[in-house]
Amino acid sequence: MPVPALPRSVPSRAASAVTVAVAAGALVLSAVPAHATATPAQIATSKSTGVTYLKSLQAADGSYVTGGGLSNEWAFSALAAAGTAAADVTPGGDPTKNARLVYRNQLAAAGWPGASPVATDYQRGTLNAYAAGIDPARVGPGRNLIADLVAYWQTAEPGYYGPSANFNGTVFGLLALGGAKTQSGTKRVPQALLDASVTAVRANQHTDGGWNYSKAAGDPTELGKGSDIDMTGAAMASLCVGGVPNTDAAVVAAKNFLKGKLLSSGAFNAMWGANTDSNGWAVSGLNACGINPQGTDFTSGTGKTPVDFLIAQQFKPGGGFKYLSTDTVPSAYASVDGLRAVAGAGFTATPPAPVAAGEPAWAATSAFTAGTAARLALVVDNGTATPKVCAVTLTPTGGTVTLGDVLDAAATATPSGCVTSVTPSTGAGTITAINGTANSGPSTWKVVLDGGTAAAATRATTVHVGDTVSLRYGS
């Protein structure tokens, strides 16, 4: 059966079917035998050996980004889930080539991600930069991945990122914006923005409770088609990351869909057969929603769970995971998806603090560079309609800018129409109207920077590099 085309930045089961060269000592001929309900000790061993294998994938220059196609940078999400900081991953112990530093430089490069970028490039970058301990909004003076991502907001189809036909771009957009929190651990975008994408994800849920990679909303024929294990895991995770409780009917339906696909081995009956990637995505979806993948609902009649299956796919003591049970060598993608799931994570993970001396918890640019063009994410919510969202590009003259500067530059933002009018249009005073909605009594325009405390919106309000600027009208 052919594999549907996917954006190059989202990991796929097809990629995992392709084996990779194995570092010396990573491959051993026997795999770990399956046991009913994996024990904490088995999970700890799986995490430890899995990290060892993923470290073996690091190139001599310190990179995990591979040329063309899908990339090993997804390893950062698995490493973080297993408790290993990217800054502590070095080739031959050389700290000047630590994985976080190298990855940050790659993301900050003017030529990244290539000549024809798509929304999922920035979603991939956001999820993995966050896991690597890089603030995705402050990669460098000229690289704000959050702003780059919201530039793909579909004004005509609010809630979608990138072409709506490529539904997985919306799922991973929600995963990225909801999951990649600020350095202080708060959501950096307003809930109203996440809610718009939650609505889009809900509209694409098939009648069997799952999802597929392509858009189904509004099409009864598509909604009636069988769902995909992988995408169901990702979509249910996006709902939960977006603020939906696991008791919600959509999440319960997704759980029941997965439950109905459980095989005696603990694997899920995926379209392409039982495999590590499908199990990994499904378990990550359950993890993100706080649903135990080793609970009663996910223990087969033979006493096996999805985590059992994943650990049985792992080589011992090499740590790599095979894609299919019949494979004789590990796959990089299967190893990422398997380890991240066994370690208890969704599709990204809070970065652990580096052990290496002198390495900060976060790598982030602290100020604008005068004369260097920069982007900021802007959300405008009048309280009665779907928020307007855009990426604003401006060239600062100092280390900070003002809200007035941001609103002035929004006239040429991507997508257009985010800000059509501002009162006053000059000066440093209180903003009294945006897009025709004027302050009235207790209802006024307020500004929130990076999910912080709301304050009166003035043109003089100081905005720092990487701030997500949210303007909301209300009391």
Foldseek 3Di string as FASTA:
>chain_A
DDDDDAPLEDDDLVQQQDADDFAPPLADQAADAFDFPDDPVLLLLLLVLLVLRLLSCQDQQLEQQDPDGYTLLLLLQLCQLSPAAQCCRHRVRDSVSRHLVVLLVQQPDPQPPHDDDFLSSLLSVLQSNQSNQALQLFSDLAGGSLQVNLLQADPVQGQAGHPQQQVVSSLSNLCRQLPSAGPVPHRQDDLLSLVRNLVQLVQQAAPQLFHARGRCGPPNVNSPDDHFLLRRLSSLLSNLSSPHACVDPSNVSSLVSQLVQQDQQQFGQGPVGGWLQSLLSNLLSCLSNVHDQSDPSAQHPNSHGSLSNLSSQAHPPSSAGRTDPPDRHHGSNSSSSSSSSSSRHHSGHRGHAHPDPPDGSHDGDWFHDAQHKYKAWEWEAAPPDRIQIWIFIDHDRDRWAFQLRRLVRLCPTRPHDNWDDWPPNDDWAFTADTPRDGDDVPWGKWKDWRNDDTDGHTRGHIDGRSTHIYIYTDD
